[in-house]
């Protein structure tokens, strides 16, 4: 355990914790991610390096042995339950993670030494400033809506909210805190700000199936959409229990007063 705690993998996971604002579950095992059956048919649950439930994100830190033969790690003279040596089994299980993790609705990000400040042997120099900057880019989502949603999710975690599985599968994000429930719809930068804001309000209206006064609704948008979301007056938003949150270009979150 001590060796793992000081490993490059632990260092990378720790930096990811900083970027995401959430502490990872390390060496987490899912019931559906399984190795090959042994002689008695038993299948071991395969670990992942790090899992952030609030972000629905898995990160695998793959050192050099994952991409090229390394006899010390591959043990070519030892056959595993998969019928191949450890190096070939590692490749099989890496491929299984790459197919099964997204298939179960989670995002998988693979980080390699070459993505960070590393020497020719793949050992990290642990230049924290440089590595943090690189990881922010690696962990960033592809679209601005993803950026808005990830930023807001991180903010919710810092505010004591816990993201949960949405009751409606079309909901972008749902979170609970002390008996409260927040149902969120997010939009990113767009050339059709007014249309997207109207669509988002309509989507929230369709989610209003509960009469519980502790359930609120959130429209989460970039600051460029401020005028578009303000077309629904504050007193109407109050009646509907809709809060508007703005995500700035530098990834800060602020609630729009009503």
Protein backbone atom coordinates (compact mmCIF):
# COMPACT_ATOMS: atom_id res chain seq x y z
CA UNK A 1 0.00 0.00 0.00
CA UNK A 2 2.82 2.42 0.85
CA UNK A 3 4.41 1.88 -2.57
CA UNK A 4 1.10 2.62 -4.30
CA UNK A 5 0.57 5.75 -2.18
CA UNK A 6 3.86 7.21 -3.46
CA UNK A 7 3.51 5.96 -7.03
CA UNK A 8 3.15 8.08 -10.16
CA UNK A 9 -0.40 6.74 -10.41
CA UNK A 10 -1.27 8.11 -6.96
CA UNK A 11 0.34 11.44 -7.87
CA UNK A 12 -1.76 11.71 -11.05
CA UNK A 13 -4.96 10.75 -9.23
CA UNK A 14 -4.25 13.37 -6.57
CA UNK A 15 -3.88 16.06 -9.22
CA UNK A 16 -7.13 14.92 -10.84
CA UNK A 17 -8.81 15.30 -7.43
CA UNK A 18 -7.69 18.93 -7.43
CA UNK A 19 -9.01 19.56 -10.94
CA UNK A 20 -12.35 17.86 -10.30
CA UNK A 21 -12.98 19.04 -6.74
CA UNK A 22 -13.83 15.49 -5.67
CA UNK A 23 -11.82 12.70 -4.05
CA UNK A 24 -11.53 9.58 -6.19
CA UNK A 25 -12.43 6.05 -5.22
CA UNK A 26 -9.12 4.37 -6.01
CA UNK A 27 -8.82 0.77 -7.19
CA UNK A 28 -12.60 0.72 -7.45
CA UNK A 29 -14.29 -2.46 -8.71
CA UNK A 30 -17.58 -2.52 -10.59
CA UNK A 31 -19.77 -5.62 -10.52
CA UNK A 32 -19.96 -5.61 -14.31
CA UNK A 33 -16.23 -5.26 -15.10
CA UNK A 34 -14.91 -8.81 -14.87
CA UNK A 35 -11.78 -10.76 -15.73
CA UNK A 36 -11.72 -14.07 -17.54
CA UNK A 37 -13.01 -17.16 -15.68
CA UNK A 38 -10.49 -19.29 -13.78
CA UNK A 39 -10.37 -23.07 -13.56
CA UNK A 40 -13.45 -23.11 -11.31
CA UNK A 41 -15.33 -20.59 -13.42
CA UNK A 42 -14.89 -17.71 -10.97
CA UNK A 43 -14.41 -14.25 -12.50
CA UNK A 44 -12.59 -11.56 -10.54
CA UNK A 45 -13.84 -7.97 -10.63
CA UNK A 46 -11.21 -5.84 -12.37
CA UNK A 47 -10.09 -2.65 -10.61
CA UNK A 48 -9.94 0.77 -12.22
CA UNK A 49 -7.27 3.22 -11.12
CA UNK A 50 -9.70 5.96 -10.06
CA UNK A 51 -13.44 6.62 -10.17
CA UNK A 52 -15.20 9.91 -9.39
CA UNK A 53 -18.91 9.06 -8.87
CA UNK A 54 -19.96 12.71 -8.86
CA UNK A 55 -18.44 13.20 -12.30
CA UNK A 56 -19.28 9.72 -13.61
CA UNK A 57 -15.62 9.57 -14.64
CA UNK A 58 -12.97 6.85 -14.64
CA UNK A 59 -9.28 7.63 -15.14
CA UNK A 60 -6.70 5.00 -16.00
CA UNK A 61 -3.03 5.94 -15.67
CA UNK A 62 -1.17 3.69 -18.09
CA UNK A 63 2.56 3.43 -17.66
CA UNK A 64 4.90 2.24 -20.40
CA UNK A 65 4.18 -1.48 -19.88
CA UNK A 66 0.64 -0.92 -21.14
CA UNK A 67 1.89 0.13 -24.57
CA UNK A 68 5.07 -1.86 -25.15
CA UNK A 69 6.65 -5.16 -24.02
CA UNK A 70 8.37 -4.99 -20.64
CA UNK A 71 9.55 -8.49 -19.55
CA UNK A 72 9.67 -7.53 -15.86
CA UNK A 73 5.93 -6.82 -15.89
CA UNK A 74 4.83 -9.15 -18.69
CA UNK A 75 6.15 -12.40 -17.13
CA UNK A 76 6.24 -14.16 -20.55
CA UNK A 77 6.98 -17.52 -18.91
CA UNK A 78 3.78 -17.47 -16.83
CA UNK A 79 0.39 -18.24 -18.35
CA UNK A 80 -2.65 -16.54 -16.83
CA UNK A 81 -6.29 -17.69 -16.66
CA UNK A 82 -6.77 -15.98 -20.03
CA UNK A 83 -4.42 -18.51 -21.64
CA UNK A 84 -1.79 -15.86 -22.40
CA UNK A 85 1.06 -14.26 -20.47
CA UNK A 86 0.47 -11.26 -18.26
CA UNK A 87 1.43 -8.65 -20.87
CA UNK A 88 -1.14 -9.98 -23.35
CA UNK A 89 -3.73 -10.29 -20.59
CA UNK A 90 -3.08 -6.66 -19.61
CA UNK A 91 -3.86 -5.59 -23.17
CA UNK A 92 -7.04 -7.70 -23.18
CA UNK A 93 -8.23 -6.20 -19.90
CA UNK A 94 -7.36 -2.64 -21.02
CA UNK A 95 -9.50 -3.19 -24.11
CA UNK A 96 -12.29 -4.58 -21.92
CA UNK A 97 -12.22 -1.44 -19.77
CA UNK A 98 -12.34 0.71 -22.90
CA UNK A 99 -15.49 -1.03 -24.13
CA UNK A 100 -17.34 -1.75 -20.87
CA UNK A 101 -16.86 1.55 -19.03
CA UNK A 102 -18.49 3.77 -21.73
CA UNK A 103 -21.13 1.07 -22.31
CA UNK A 104 -22.22 1.56 -18.70
CA UNK A 105 -22.65 5.31 -19.07
CA UNK A 106 -19.31 6.41 -17.61
CA UNK A 107 -16.60 8.52 -19.22
CA UNK A 108 -13.17 6.94 -19.48
CA UNK A 109 -10.02 9.07 -19.72
CA UNK A 110 -6.63 7.43 -20.24
CA UNK A 111 -3.54 9.34 -19.10
CA UNK A 112 -0.03 8.31 -20.12
CA UNK A 113 3.41 9.54 -18.98
CA UNK A 114 3.93 11.26 -22.33
CA UNK A 115 0.88 13.44 -21.59
CA UNK A 116 2.70 14.93 -18.60
CA UNK A 117 6.26 16.00 -17.73
CA UNK A 118 8.08 12.66 -17.87
CA UNK A 119 11.58 11.42 -18.67
CA UNK A 120 12.47 8.91 -21.37
CA UNK A 121 11.76 5.98 -19.04
CA UNK A 122 8.24 7.19 -18.39
CA UNK A 123 8.91 8.41 -14.87
CA UNK A 124 7.16 11.64 -13.95
CA UNK A 125 9.29 14.60 -12.92
CA UNK A 126 6.31 15.79 -10.84
CA UNK A 127 6.22 19.32 -12.15
CA UNK A 128 2.90 20.02 -10.48
CA UNK A 129 2.09 23.30 -12.23
CA UNK A 130 2.76 21.87 -15.68
CA UNK A 131 1.02 18.58 -14.93
CA UNK A 132 -2.08 20.30 -13.53
CA UNK A 133 -2.36 22.42 -16.67
CA UNK A 134 -2.07 19.32 -18.84
CA UNK A 135 -4.65 17.40 -16.82
CA UNK A 136 -7.15 20.26 -16.98
CA UNK A 137 -7.02 19.97 -20.77
CA UNK A 138 -7.13 16.17 -20.74
CA UNK A 139 -10.12 16.04 -18.39
CA UNK A 140 -12.02 18.80 -20.19
CA UNK A 141 -15.15 17.77 -22.05
CA UNK A 142 -15.50 18.14 -25.80
CA UNK A 143 -18.36 20.66 -25.98
CA UNK A 144 -19.09 23.88 -24.11
CA UNK A 145 -22.26 22.32 -22.70
CA UNK A 146 -20.06 19.61 -21.20
CA UNK A 147 -17.79 22.32 -19.77
CA UNK A 148 -20.75 24.09 -18.21
CA UNK A 149 -22.13 20.86 -16.79
CA UNK A 150 -18.81 19.66 -15.38
CA UNK A 151 -18.08 23.06 -13.81
CA UNK A 152 -21.51 23.16 -12.21
CA UNK A 153 -21.18 19.56 -10.95
CA UNK A 154 -17.86 20.43 -9.30
CA UNK A 155 -19.45 23.51 -7.72
CA UNK A 156 -22.35 21.43 -6.39
CA UNK A 157 -19.94 18.99 -4.75
CA UNK A 158 -18.13 21.88 -3.04
CA UNK A 159 -21.51 23.17 -1.81
CA UNK A 160 -22.37 19.84 -0.17
CA UNK A 161 -24.63 18.42 -2.87
CA UNK A 162 -24.41 14.78 -3.95
CA UNK A 163 -25.08 13.97 -7.63
CA UNK A 164 -27.45 11.02 -8.00
CA UNK A 165 -28.88 8.91 -10.81
CA UNK A 166 -31.61 11.08 -12.41
CA UNK A 167 -35.17 9.85 -12.06
CA UNK A 168 -35.72 10.96 -15.66
CA UNK A 169 -32.98 9.63 -17.93
CA UNK A 170 -33.08 12.80 -20.05
CA UNK A 171 -32.16 15.02 -17.10
CA UNK A 172 -28.65 16.46 -17.43
CA UNK A 173 -27.87 16.38 -13.70
CA UNK A 174 -29.71 15.63 -10.48
CA UNK A 175 -28.37 16.18 -6.97
CA UNK A 176 -29.57 15.92 -3.36
CA UNK A 177 -28.66 17.71 -0.12
CA UNK A 178 -30.34 17.49 3.29
CA UNK A 179 -33.69 16.41 1.89
CA UNK A 180 -33.58 18.87 -1.02
CA UNK A 181 -33.51 17.72 -4.65
CA UNK A 182 -32.15 19.77 -7.56
CA UNK A 183 -33.02 18.86 -11.16
CA UNK A 184 -30.75 20.57 -13.68
CA UNK A 185 -30.77 21.37 -17.37
CA UNK A 186 -27.53 22.72 -18.89
CA UNK A 187 -26.75 24.57 -22.11
CA UNK A 188 -23.43 25.71 -23.56
CA UNK A 189 -22.39 28.56 -25.83
CA UNK A 190 -24.57 28.70 -28.91
CA UNK A 191 -25.44 30.99 -31.80
CA UNK A 192 -29.13 30.46 -31.00
CA UNK A 193 -29.18 31.63 -27.38
CA UNK A 194 -32.87 32.52 -27.29
CA UNK A 195 -34.05 29.29 -28.88
CA UNK A 196 -31.81 27.18 -26.62
CA UNK A 197 -33.01 29.04 -23.50
CA UNK A 198 -36.65 28.49 -24.50
CA UNK A 199 -35.96 24.80 -25.11
CA UNK A 200 -34.23 24.49 -21.73
CA UNK A 201 -37.16 26.10 -19.90
CA UNK A 202 -39.52 23.72 -21.71
CA UNK A 203 -37.39 20.73 -20.73
CA UNK A 204 -37.50 21.78 -17.08
CA UNK A 205 -41.30 22.20 -17.24
CA UNK A 206 -41.62 18.61 -18.45
CA UNK A 207 -39.55 17.44 -15.47
CA UNK A 208 -41.97 19.05 -12.97
CA UNK A 209 -43.74 15.84 -12.01
CA UNK A 210 -43.21 16.18 -8.24
CA UNK A 211 -45.24 18.38 -5.90
CA UNK A 212 -42.61 18.16 -3.18
CA UNK A 213 -41.74 21.71 -2.12
CA UNK A 214 -38.14 20.59 -1.49
CA UNK A 215 -37.61 19.91 -5.20
CA UNK A 216 -36.14 22.79 -7.18
CA UNK A 217 -35.03 23.15 -10.77
CA UNK A 218 -31.88 24.69 -12.18
CA UNK A 219 -31.10 26.14 -15.57
CA UNK A 220 -27.31 26.26 -15.96
CA UNK A 221 -25.91 28.38 -18.79
CA UNK A 222 -22.79 30.34 -19.78
CA UNK A 223 -22.79 34.06 -19.10
CA UNK A 224 -23.27 34.72 -22.83
CA UNK A 225 -26.85 33.44 -22.44
CA UNK A 226 -27.77 35.83 -19.61
CA UNK A 227 -30.12 38.07 -21.63
CA UNK A 228 -31.83 35.06 -23.17
CA UNK A 229 -32.65 33.40 -19.84
CA UNK A 230 -33.78 36.70 -18.31
CA UNK A 231 -36.63 36.88 -20.83
CA UNK A 232 -38.53 34.72 -18.33
CA UNK A 233 -39.11 37.23 -15.48
CA UNK A 234 -37.77 36.59 -12.01
CA UNK A 235 -41.21 36.38 -10.39
CA UNK A 236 -42.20 33.61 -12.84
CA UNK A 237 -39.01 31.70 -12.09
CA UNK A 238 -39.75 32.02 -8.36
CA UNK A 239 -43.25 30.58 -8.81
CA UNK A 240 -41.85 27.66 -10.79
CA UNK A 241 -38.95 27.03 -8.35
CA UNK A 242 -36.45 27.55 -11.18
CA UNK A 243 -33.03 28.92 -10.28
CA UNK A 244 -30.65 30.16 -12.97
CA UNK A 245 -26.91 29.59 -12.55
CA UNK A 246 -24.32 31.28 -14.72
CA UNK A 247 -20.99 29.62 -15.52
CA UNK A 248 -18.36 32.19 -16.43
CA UNK A 249 -15.63 31.82 -19.03
CA UNK A 250 -13.12 31.23 -16.22
CA UNK A 251 -15.34 28.45 -14.76
CA UNK A 252 -16.83 30.28 -11.79
CA UNK A 253 -20.48 29.75 -10.85
CA UNK A 254 -22.93 32.37 -9.66
CA UNK A 255 -26.65 32.23 -9.04
CA UNK A 256 -28.81 34.76 -10.84
CA UNK A 257 -30.94 36.75 -8.35
CA UNK A 258 -34.71 36.74 -8.87
